[in-house]
Amino acid sequence: MEARCFLTPLGQLAVDADFANDLLQENPDFKFLPEVFQREHAIEVELPFLQKTFGNIKIVPILMGEGDFKLCQALAQALDKIIAKRQDVLVLISSDMSHYHPYAEATRMDAGTLEAVKNNDAQGFYNACLAGSMEMCGFMPVTTALIYAKLRGLKHTEVLNMPIRGHHRG
C-alpha cells in the first residue's frame, strides 16, 4: 500500500502505512481500495474531531461493506494480533442508528440495539441486524468491535449518550 493522507480543514492526517500493510497481509479478503473513500464520507467527518482531540496522529481508515460474521471475526483477530500490547492505538467505530421509522418504533429499536452492544453480544447483534429487528448502518464494524473487545478481555461497555431522535417523526 502506498502511504497516503487525508486532508481536513485542520490539515493533513497521515495514514499509518506500516499498520495498514500489516493488516492487509493478514487476510486475502482485506483490500486496499482508495476509490471507496471518494464516495463515502463516514470516516472523513470524524477526522477533525480526532485531530482536535489527539493532535498529529496517524490513522488506518477501514470501511466495511458486504461481508459475513466470519469476516468480522477475521478482522477482529487481525486487529488483536497487530495491536497486541500497544498502548497508542484507539479503535473507533462510528455509525448511525435506525432510519425512517416513527419515533416510538425507532426509540424501541435503538434501545434494543444499544442493549445488545452493552451486553457485548456480537453474534446476537449481527443476527438481529440481518433479520431487521435491529438497525445500524455500521453493524459490520460494530460486530467486529464487539468480537475484538471479547478477544481483548474487555467486559464492560457503556453507552455514553442516546442518539438525538428529532429526525424520526412520523
N, C-alpha and C. Protein backbone atom coordinates (compact mmCIF):
# COMPACT_ATOMS: atom_id res chain seq x y z
N MET A 1 0.84 -1.17 0.00
CA MET A 1 0.00 0.00 0.00
C MET A 1 0.89 1.24 0.00
N GLU A 2 0.53 2.18 -0.82
CA GLU A 2 1.25 3.45 -0.86
C GLU A 2 0.75 4.35 0.26
N ALA A 3 1.67 4.94 1.01
CA ALA A 3 1.27 5.82 2.12
C ALA A 3 0.51 7.02 1.56
N ARG A 4 -0.56 7.37 2.23
CA ARG A 4 -1.40 8.48 1.82
C ARG A 4 -1.80 9.27 3.05
N CYS A 5 -2.56 10.32 2.80
CA CYS A 5 -3.07 11.09 3.91
C CYS A 5 -4.47 11.58 3.55
N PHE A 6 -5.18 12.02 4.57
CA PHE A 6 -6.49 12.63 4.41
C PHE A 6 -6.32 14.11 4.69
N LEU A 7 -6.94 14.93 3.87
CA LEU A 7 -6.91 16.37 4.05
C LEU A 7 -8.20 16.81 4.72
N THR A 8 -8.07 17.51 5.84
CA THR A 8 -9.22 18.01 6.57
C THR A 8 -9.08 19.53 6.70
N PRO A 9 -10.10 20.21 7.19
CA PRO A 9 -9.97 21.65 7.42
C PRO A 9 -8.84 22.00 8.40
N LEU A 10 -8.40 21.02 9.19
CA LEU A 10 -7.33 21.26 10.17
C LEU A 10 -5.96 20.81 9.66
N GLY A 11 -5.89 20.39 8.41
CA GLY A 11 -4.62 19.95 7.84
C GLY A 11 -4.63 18.48 7.46
N GLN A 12 -3.45 17.95 7.19
CA GLN A 12 -3.32 16.57 6.76
C GLN A 12 -3.27 15.61 7.94
N LEU A 13 -3.82 14.44 7.71
CA LEU A 13 -3.75 13.35 8.68
C LEU A 13 -3.15 12.15 7.94
N ALA A 14 -1.99 11.72 8.36
CA ALA A 14 -1.28 10.65 7.67
C ALA A 14 -1.88 9.29 7.98
N VAL A 15 -1.80 8.41 7.00
CA VAL A 15 -2.17 7.02 7.18
C VAL A 15 -0.95 6.27 7.71
N ASP A 16 -1.14 5.44 8.70
CA ASP A 16 -0.07 4.60 9.24
C ASP A 16 0.14 3.44 8.28
N ALA A 17 1.05 3.64 7.32
CA ALA A 17 1.25 2.67 6.24
C ALA A 17 1.74 1.33 6.77
N ASP A 18 2.59 1.33 7.79
CA ASP A 18 3.10 0.06 8.34
C ASP A 18 1.96 -0.77 8.93
N PHE A 19 1.13 -0.12 9.73
CA PHE A 19 -0.02 -0.80 10.34
C PHE A 19 -0.96 -1.30 9.24
N ALA A 20 -1.25 -0.45 8.27
CA ALA A 20 -2.16 -0.82 7.18
C ALA A 20 -1.62 -1.99 6.38
N ASN A 21 -0.32 -1.97 6.08
CA ASN A 21 0.28 -3.08 5.34
C ASN A 21 0.23 -4.37 6.14
N ASP A 22 0.50 -4.29 7.43
CA ASP A 22 0.40 -5.48 8.28
C ASP A 22 -1.02 -6.04 8.24
N LEU A 23 -2.00 -5.17 8.29
CA LEU A 23 -3.39 -5.60 8.25
C LEU A 23 -3.73 -6.26 6.92
N LEU A 24 -3.28 -5.68 5.83
CA LEU A 24 -3.55 -6.24 4.51
C LEU A 24 -2.93 -7.63 4.33
N GLN A 25 -1.84 -7.89 5.03
CA GLN A 25 -1.18 -9.19 4.93
C GLN A 25 -1.90 -10.30 5.70
N GLU A 26 -2.80 -9.93 6.58
CA GLU A 26 -3.47 -10.89 7.45
C GLU A 26 -4.54 -11.73 6.76
N ASN A 27 -5.14 -11.21 5.70
CA ASN A 27 -6.27 -11.92 5.10
C ASN A 27 -6.44 -11.47 3.66
N PRO A 28 -6.58 -12.42 2.72
CA PRO A 28 -6.74 -12.02 1.31
C PRO A 28 -8.04 -11.26 1.04
N ASP A 29 -9.00 -11.32 1.96
CA ASP A 29 -10.24 -10.57 1.79
C ASP A 29 -10.10 -9.10 2.18
N PHE A 30 -9.01 -8.73 2.83
CA PHE A 30 -8.75 -7.33 3.17
C PHE A 30 -8.10 -6.69 1.96
N LYS A 31 -8.66 -5.58 1.50
CA LYS A 31 -8.19 -4.94 0.27
C LYS A 31 -7.91 -3.46 0.51
N PHE A 32 -6.95 -2.94 -0.24
CA PHE A 32 -6.70 -1.50 -0.27
C PHE A 32 -7.38 -0.95 -1.51
N LEU A 33 -8.46 -0.23 -1.31
CA LEU A 33 -9.25 0.33 -2.41
C LEU A 33 -9.47 1.82 -2.14
N PRO A 34 -8.53 2.67 -2.52
CA PRO A 34 -8.65 4.09 -2.19
C PRO A 34 -9.90 4.74 -2.78
N GLU A 35 -10.42 4.20 -3.86
CA GLU A 35 -11.59 4.80 -4.50
C GLU A 35 -12.85 4.75 -3.63
N VAL A 36 -12.90 3.85 -2.64
CA VAL A 36 -14.10 3.79 -1.80
C VAL A 36 -14.27 5.05 -0.96
N PHE A 37 -13.19 5.76 -0.72
CA PHE A 37 -13.27 6.97 0.09
C PHE A 37 -13.75 8.18 -0.71
N GLN A 38 -13.83 8.05 -2.02
CA GLN A 38 -14.30 9.17 -2.84
C GLN A 38 -15.80 9.39 -2.70
N ARG A 39 -16.54 8.32 -2.40
CA ARG A 39 -18.00 8.44 -2.31
C ARG A 39 -18.53 8.23 -0.89
N GLU A 40 -17.70 7.79 0.00
CA GLU A 40 -18.12 7.53 1.38
C GLU A 40 -17.43 8.52 2.30
N HIS A 41 -18.21 9.23 3.11
CA HIS A 41 -17.65 10.27 3.97
C HIS A 41 -17.71 9.94 5.46
N ALA A 42 -18.08 8.73 5.81
CA ALA A 42 -18.25 8.38 7.22
C ALA A 42 -16.97 8.60 8.03
N ILE A 43 -15.85 8.28 7.45
CA ILE A 43 -14.58 8.46 8.17
C ILE A 43 -14.16 9.92 8.18
N GLU A 44 -14.30 10.58 7.04
CA GLU A 44 -13.82 11.95 6.91
C GLU A 44 -14.49 12.90 7.90
N VAL A 45 -15.75 12.67 8.23
CA VAL A 45 -16.43 13.58 9.16
C VAL A 45 -15.92 13.43 10.59
N GLU A 46 -15.28 12.31 10.89
CA GLU A 46 -14.73 12.08 12.23
C GLU A 46 -13.33 12.67 12.39
N LEU A 47 -12.61 12.82 11.30
CA LEU A 47 -11.19 13.16 11.38
C LEU A 47 -10.89 14.49 12.07
N PRO A 48 -11.62 15.57 11.79
CA PRO A 48 -11.30 16.82 12.52
C PRO A 48 -11.45 16.68 14.04
N PHE A 49 -12.41 15.88 14.48
CA PHE A 49 -12.57 15.66 15.92
C PHE A 49 -11.36 14.93 16.49
N LEU A 50 -10.86 13.96 15.74
CA LEU A 50 -9.66 13.23 16.19
C LEU A 50 -8.45 14.16 16.22
N GLN A 51 -8.31 14.99 15.18
CA GLN A 51 -7.19 15.93 15.16
C GLN A 51 -7.26 16.91 16.32
N LYS A 52 -8.43 17.43 16.59
CA LYS A 52 -8.60 18.40 17.68
C LYS A 52 -8.31 17.75 19.03
N THR A 53 -8.71 16.48 19.18
CA THR A 53 -8.54 15.78 20.45
C THR A 53 -7.12 15.25 20.64
N PHE A 54 -6.55 14.66 19.57
CA PHE A 54 -5.27 13.95 19.72
C PHE A 54 -4.10 14.61 19.00
N GLY A 55 -4.34 15.66 18.22
CA GLY A 55 -3.25 16.33 17.53
C GLY A 55 -2.79 15.57 16.30
N ASN A 56 -1.48 15.56 16.11
CA ASN A 56 -0.88 14.97 14.92
C ASN A 56 -0.75 13.46 15.09
N ILE A 57 -1.75 12.73 14.65
CA ILE A 57 -1.77 11.27 14.79
C ILE A 57 -1.75 10.63 13.41
N LYS A 58 -1.53 9.34 13.39
CA LYS A 58 -1.67 8.55 12.16
C LYS A 58 -2.93 7.71 12.29
N ILE A 59 -3.56 7.44 11.16
CA ILE A 59 -4.80 6.68 11.16
C ILE A 59 -4.70 5.50 10.20
N VAL A 60 -5.56 4.54 10.42
CA VAL A 60 -5.76 3.43 9.48
C VAL A 60 -7.26 3.35 9.25
N PRO A 61 -7.74 4.03 8.22
CA PRO A 61 -9.19 4.03 7.97
C PRO A 61 -9.63 2.70 7.37
N ILE A 62 -10.70 2.16 7.91
CA ILE A 62 -11.23 0.88 7.42
C ILE A 62 -12.71 1.08 7.14
N LEU A 63 -13.12 0.76 5.94
CA LEU A 63 -14.53 0.75 5.59
C LEU A 63 -14.95 -0.69 5.37
N MET A 64 -16.10 -1.04 5.91
CA MET A 64 -16.61 -2.40 5.72
C MET A 64 -17.93 -2.31 4.97
N GLY A 65 -18.05 -3.09 3.95
CA GLY A 65 -19.30 -3.16 3.19
C GLY A 65 -19.95 -4.50 3.42
N GLU A 66 -20.19 -5.21 2.35
CA GLU A 66 -20.78 -6.54 2.43
C GLU A 66 -19.80 -7.50 3.12
N GLY A 67 -20.33 -8.48 3.77
CA GLY A 67 -19.50 -9.47 4.43
C GLY A 67 -20.34 -10.35 5.31
N ASP A 68 -19.68 -11.17 6.09
CA ASP A 68 -20.39 -12.06 7.00
C ASP A 68 -19.69 -12.05 8.35
N PHE A 69 -20.24 -12.83 9.27
CA PHE A 69 -19.71 -12.86 10.63
C PHE A 69 -18.25 -13.32 10.64
N LYS A 70 -17.91 -14.25 9.74
CA LYS A 70 -16.53 -14.74 9.69
C LYS A 70 -15.55 -13.63 9.29
N LEU A 71 -15.98 -12.73 8.43
CA LEU A 71 -15.12 -11.61 8.06
C LEU A 71 -14.92 -10.69 9.27
N CYS A 72 -15.98 -10.46 10.03
CA CYS A 72 -15.86 -9.66 11.26
C CYS A 72 -14.88 -10.32 12.22
N GLN A 73 -14.99 -11.64 12.36
CA GLN A 73 -14.06 -12.37 13.23
C GLN A 73 -12.62 -12.23 12.73
N ALA A 74 -12.43 -12.38 11.43
CA ALA A 74 -11.08 -12.29 10.86
C ALA A 74 -10.47 -10.92 11.09
N LEU A 75 -11.26 -9.87 10.90
CA LEU A 75 -10.74 -8.51 11.12
C LEU A 75 -10.44 -8.29 12.60
N ALA A 76 -11.32 -8.72 13.47
CA ALA A 76 -11.09 -8.57 14.91
C ALA A 76 -9.81 -9.30 15.32
N GLN A 77 -9.61 -10.51 14.82
CA GLN A 77 -8.41 -11.27 15.16
C GLN A 77 -7.15 -10.60 14.62
N ALA A 78 -7.24 -10.07 13.40
CA ALA A 78 -6.10 -9.37 12.81
C ALA A 78 -5.75 -8.12 13.61
N LEU A 79 -6.76 -7.36 14.00
CA LEU A 79 -6.51 -6.18 14.82
C LEU A 79 -5.88 -6.56 16.16
N ASP A 80 -6.41 -7.61 16.77
CA ASP A 80 -5.87 -8.07 18.04
C ASP A 80 -4.40 -8.45 17.90
N LYS A 81 -4.07 -9.13 16.84
CA LYS A 81 -2.69 -9.56 16.61
C LYS A 81 -1.76 -8.36 16.37
N ILE A 82 -2.19 -7.44 15.51
CA ILE A 82 -1.33 -6.31 15.15
C ILE A 82 -1.20 -5.31 16.30
N ILE A 83 -2.29 -5.04 16.96
CA ILE A 83 -2.25 -4.08 18.07
C ILE A 83 -1.51 -4.68 19.26
N ALA A 84 -1.75 -5.97 19.51
CA ALA A 84 -1.09 -6.70 20.60
C ALA A 84 -1.06 -5.88 21.88
N LYS A 85 0.12 -5.54 22.35
CA LYS A 85 0.26 -4.82 23.63
C LYS A 85 0.49 -3.33 23.44
N ARG A 86 0.32 -2.84 22.22
CA ARG A 86 0.50 -1.40 22.00
C ARG A 86 -0.51 -0.62 22.84
N GLN A 87 -0.07 0.49 23.37
CA GLN A 87 -0.92 1.36 24.19
C GLN A 87 -1.28 2.64 23.45
N ASP A 88 -0.85 2.76 22.20
CA ASP A 88 -1.05 4.01 21.45
C ASP A 88 -2.08 3.87 20.33
N VAL A 89 -2.98 2.88 20.45
CA VAL A 89 -3.96 2.63 19.41
C VAL A 89 -5.36 2.80 19.98
N LEU A 90 -6.16 3.58 19.28
CA LEU A 90 -7.57 3.75 19.60
C LEU A 90 -8.37 3.13 18.47
N VAL A 91 -9.25 2.21 18.80
CA VAL A 91 -10.15 1.64 17.80
C VAL A 91 -11.47 2.39 17.93
N LEU A 92 -11.84 3.08 16.87
CA LEU A 92 -13.03 3.92 16.87
C LEU A 92 -13.99 3.44 15.80
N ILE A 93 -15.22 3.19 16.19
CA ILE A 93 -16.27 2.79 15.26
C ILE A 93 -17.37 3.82 15.35
N SER A 94 -17.82 4.28 14.20
CA SER A 94 -18.87 5.28 14.17
C SER A 94 -20.00 4.80 13.27
N SER A 95 -21.22 4.95 13.76
CA SER A 95 -22.37 4.55 12.97
C SER A 95 -23.59 5.33 13.42
N ASP A 96 -24.54 5.45 12.53
CA ASP A 96 -25.83 5.96 12.96
C ASP A 96 -26.74 4.77 13.23
N MET A 97 -27.92 5.07 13.71
CA MET A 97 -28.81 4.00 14.17
C MET A 97 -29.93 3.80 13.16
N SER A 98 -31.13 3.51 13.62
CA SER A 98 -32.25 3.19 12.75
C SER A 98 -32.62 4.40 11.88
N HIS A 99 -33.27 4.10 10.77
CA HIS A 99 -33.65 5.13 9.81
C HIS A 99 -35.14 5.02 9.45
N TYR A 100 -35.76 6.17 9.29
CA TYR A 100 -37.08 6.28 8.65
C TYR A 100 -38.21 5.57 9.37
N HIS A 101 -38.09 5.39 10.65
CA HIS A 101 -39.16 4.78 11.43
C HIS A 101 -39.87 5.86 12.24
N PRO A 102 -41.12 5.63 12.59
CA PRO A 102 -41.77 6.55 13.53
C PRO A 102 -40.97 6.59 14.83
N TYR A 103 -41.08 7.72 15.53
CA TYR A 103 -40.26 7.96 16.72
C TYR A 103 -40.31 6.81 17.72
N ALA A 104 -41.50 6.36 18.08
CA ALA A 104 -41.62 5.31 19.11
C ALA A 104 -40.94 4.02 18.65
N GLU A 105 -41.12 3.67 17.39
CA GLU A 105 -40.50 2.44 16.87
C GLU A 105 -38.99 2.57 16.82
N ALA A 106 -38.50 3.75 16.37
CA ALA A 106 -37.06 3.98 16.30
C ALA A 106 -36.44 3.94 17.70
N THR A 107 -37.11 4.54 18.66
CA THR A 107 -36.61 4.55 20.04
C THR A 107 -36.54 3.14 20.60
N ARG A 108 -37.58 2.35 20.37
CA ARG A 108 -37.60 0.96 20.83
C ARG A 108 -36.50 0.15 20.15
N MET A 109 -36.40 0.29 18.83
CA MET A 109 -35.41 -0.45 18.07
C MET A 109 -33.99 -0.08 18.50
N ASP A 110 -33.74 1.23 18.64
CA ASP A 110 -32.41 1.69 19.03
C ASP A 110 -32.04 1.24 20.45
N ALA A 111 -33.02 1.23 21.35
CA ALA A 111 -32.76 0.78 22.72
C ALA A 111 -32.34 -0.69 22.72
N GLY A 112 -32.99 -1.51 21.92
CA GLY A 112 -32.60 -2.92 21.82
C GLY A 112 -31.23 -3.09 21.22
N THR A 113 -30.92 -2.27 20.22
CA THR A 113 -29.60 -2.31 19.59
C THR A 113 -28.51 -1.94 20.59
N LEU A 114 -28.73 -0.86 21.32
CA LEU A 114 -27.74 -0.43 22.31
C LEU A 114 -27.60 -1.44 23.44
N GLU A 115 -28.69 -2.09 23.80
CA GLU A 115 -28.62 -3.13 24.84
C GLU A 115 -27.75 -4.30 24.38
N ALA A 116 -27.91 -4.72 23.12
CA ALA A 116 -27.08 -5.79 22.58
C ALA A 116 -25.61 -5.39 22.57
N VAL A 117 -25.33 -4.14 22.23
CA VAL A 117 -23.95 -3.65 22.23
C VAL A 117 -23.42 -3.64 23.66
N LYS A 118 -24.22 -3.13 24.61
CA LYS A 118 -23.79 -3.11 26.02
C LYS A 118 -23.51 -4.51 26.55
N ASN A 119 -24.26 -5.51 26.06
CA ASN A 119 -24.07 -6.89 26.51
C ASN A 119 -22.95 -7.60 25.77
N ASN A 120 -22.28 -6.90 24.88
CA ASN A 120 -21.17 -7.48 24.10
C ASN A 120 -21.58 -8.78 23.39
N ASP A 121 -22.80 -8.80 22.89
CA ASP A 121 -23.33 -9.98 22.22
C ASP A 121 -23.16 -9.84 20.71
N ALA A 122 -21.95 -10.13 20.23
CA ALA A 122 -21.63 -9.92 18.81
C ALA A 122 -22.52 -10.75 17.90
N GLN A 123 -22.64 -12.04 18.17
CA GLN A 123 -23.43 -12.90 17.29
C GLN A 123 -24.91 -12.52 17.31
N GLY A 124 -25.46 -12.27 18.49
CA GLY A 124 -26.86 -11.87 18.60
C GLY A 124 -27.12 -10.54 17.92
N PHE A 125 -26.21 -9.60 18.10
CA PHE A 125 -26.31 -8.29 17.46
C PHE A 125 -26.29 -8.45 15.94
N TYR A 126 -25.33 -9.19 15.44
CA TYR A 126 -25.18 -9.41 14.00
C TYR A 126 -26.44 -10.06 13.42
N ASN A 127 -26.91 -11.13 14.07
CA ASN A 127 -28.09 -11.84 13.58
C ASN A 127 -29.33 -10.94 13.58
N ALA A 128 -29.50 -10.15 14.63
CA ALA A 128 -30.67 -9.27 14.72
C ALA A 128 -30.62 -8.18 13.65
N CYS A 129 -29.43 -7.68 13.36
CA CYS A 129 -29.31 -6.68 12.29
C CYS A 129 -29.65 -7.29 10.94
N LEU A 130 -29.17 -8.48 10.69
CA LEU A 130 -29.51 -9.15 9.43
C LEU A 130 -31.01 -9.41 9.34
N ALA A 131 -31.63 -9.76 10.45
CA ALA A 131 -33.07 -10.06 10.48
C ALA A 131 -33.92 -8.80 10.42
N GLY A 132 -33.32 -7.63 10.70
CA GLY A 132 -34.05 -6.38 10.65
C GLY A 132 -34.70 -5.97 11.95
N SER A 133 -34.52 -6.75 13.02
CA SER A 133 -35.09 -6.35 14.30
C SER A 133 -34.23 -5.30 15.00
N MET A 134 -32.98 -5.16 14.54
CA MET A 134 -32.10 -4.08 14.96
C MET A 134 -31.58 -3.44 13.69
N GLU A 135 -31.21 -2.17 13.80
CA GLU A 135 -30.79 -1.45 12.61
C GLU A 135 -29.65 -0.53 12.94
N MET A 136 -28.59 -0.64 12.17
CA MET A 136 -27.43 0.22 12.32
C MET A 136 -26.65 0.13 11.01
N CYS A 137 -26.36 1.25 10.39
CA CYS A 137 -25.61 1.22 9.12
C CYS A 137 -24.27 0.52 9.29
N GLY A 138 -23.61 0.77 10.40
CA GLY A 138 -22.29 0.21 10.64
C GLY A 138 -22.32 -1.06 11.47
N PHE A 139 -23.29 -1.94 11.22
CA PHE A 139 -23.37 -3.12 12.08
C PHE A 139 -22.19 -4.07 11.87
N MET A 140 -21.59 -4.10 10.68
CA MET A 140 -20.42 -4.96 10.48
C MET A 140 -19.24 -4.46 11.32
N PRO A 141 -18.89 -3.17 11.27
CA PRO A 141 -17.80 -2.70 12.13
C PRO A 141 -18.11 -2.85 13.62
N VAL A 142 -19.34 -2.62 14.02
CA VAL A 142 -19.69 -2.76 15.44
C VAL A 142 -19.58 -4.23 15.84
N THR A 143 -20.03 -5.14 14.98
CA THR A 143 -19.86 -6.57 15.26
C THR A 143 -18.38 -6.89 15.45
N THR A 144 -17.56 -6.35 14.55
CA THR A 144 -16.11 -6.57 14.64
C THR A 144 -15.57 -6.03 15.96
N ALA A 145 -16.02 -4.85 16.35
CA ALA A 145 -15.55 -4.25 17.60
C ALA A 145 -15.96 -5.09 18.80
N LEU A 146 -17.16 -5.65 18.77
CA LEU A 146 -17.61 -6.49 19.89
C LEU A 146 -16.76 -7.76 19.98
N ILE A 147 -16.43 -8.33 18.85
CA ILE A 147 -15.56 -9.51 18.84
C ILE A 147 -14.16 -9.13 19.33
N TYR A 148 -13.65 -8.00 18.83
CA TYR A 148 -12.34 -7.52 19.25
C TYR A 148 -12.30 -7.29 20.77
N ALA A 149 -13.34 -6.67 21.28
CA ALA A 149 -13.41 -6.41 22.72
C ALA A 149 -13.33 -7.70 23.51
N LYS A 150 -14.04 -8.72 23.04
CA LYS A 150 -14.01 -10.01 23.73
C LYS A 150 -12.61 -10.63 23.67
N LEU A 151 -11.96 -10.54 22.50
CA LEU A 151 -10.59 -11.05 22.37
C LEU A 151 -9.64 -10.35 23.33
N ARG A 152 -9.89 -9.06 23.58
CA ARG A 152 -9.03 -8.27 24.46
C ARG A 152 -9.40 -8.43 25.93
N GLY A 153 -10.45 -9.19 26.21
CA GLY A 153 -10.87 -9.40 27.58
C GLY A 153 -11.69 -8.26 28.16
N LEU A 154 -12.18 -7.38 27.30
CA LEU A 154 -12.99 -6.27 27.78
C LEU A 154 -14.41 -6.75 28.04
N LYS A 155 -14.93 -6.46 29.21
CA LYS A 155 -16.24 -6.96 29.60
C LYS A 155 -17.27 -5.86 29.83
N HIS A 156 -16.82 -4.63 29.86
CA HIS A 156 -17.73 -3.53 30.19
C HIS A 156 -17.89 -2.59 29.00
N THR A 157 -19.11 -2.39 28.60
CA THR A 157 -19.42 -1.41 27.55
C THR A 157 -20.40 -0.42 28.14
N GLU A 158 -20.13 0.84 27.93
CA GLU A 158 -21.00 1.88 28.45
C GLU A 158 -21.50 2.75 27.31
N VAL A 159 -22.80 2.95 27.24
CA VAL A 159 -23.38 3.87 26.28
C VAL A 159 -23.28 5.26 26.89
N LEU A 160 -22.57 6.14 26.21
CA LEU A 160 -22.33 7.47 26.77
C LEU A 160 -23.51 8.40 26.58
N ASN A 161 -24.25 8.23 25.50
CA ASN A 161 -25.35 9.14 25.23
C ASN A 161 -26.29 8.50 24.22
N MET A 162 -27.56 8.66 24.45
CA MET A 162 -28.55 8.19 23.49
C MET A 162 -28.54 9.13 22.28
N PRO A 163 -28.75 8.59 21.09
CA PRO A 163 -28.80 9.44 19.90
C PRO A 163 -29.96 10.43 19.97
N ILE A 164 -29.79 11.52 19.29
CA ILE A 164 -30.87 12.50 19.18
C ILE A 164 -31.91 11.94 18.23
N ARG A 165 -33.13 11.98 18.64
CA ARG A 165 -34.17 11.32 17.86
C ARG A 165 -35.03 12.29 17.05
N GLY A 166 -34.67 13.53 16.95
CA GLY A 166 -35.52 14.52 16.31
C GLY A 166 -35.89 14.24 14.87
N HIS A 167 -35.07 13.47 14.14
CA HIS A 167 -35.35 13.25 12.73
C HIS A 167 -36.29 12.08 12.49
N HIS A 168 -36.78 11.44 13.52
CA HIS A 168 -37.69 10.30 13.37
C HIS A 168 -39.12 10.70 13.69
N ARG A 169 -39.65 11.55 12.95
CA ARG A 169 -41.05 11.96 13.17
C ARG A 169 -41.91 11.24 12.15
N GLY A 170 -43.05 10.77 12.59
CA GLY A 170 -43.84 10.08 11.59
C GLY A 170 -45.20 9.73 12.03
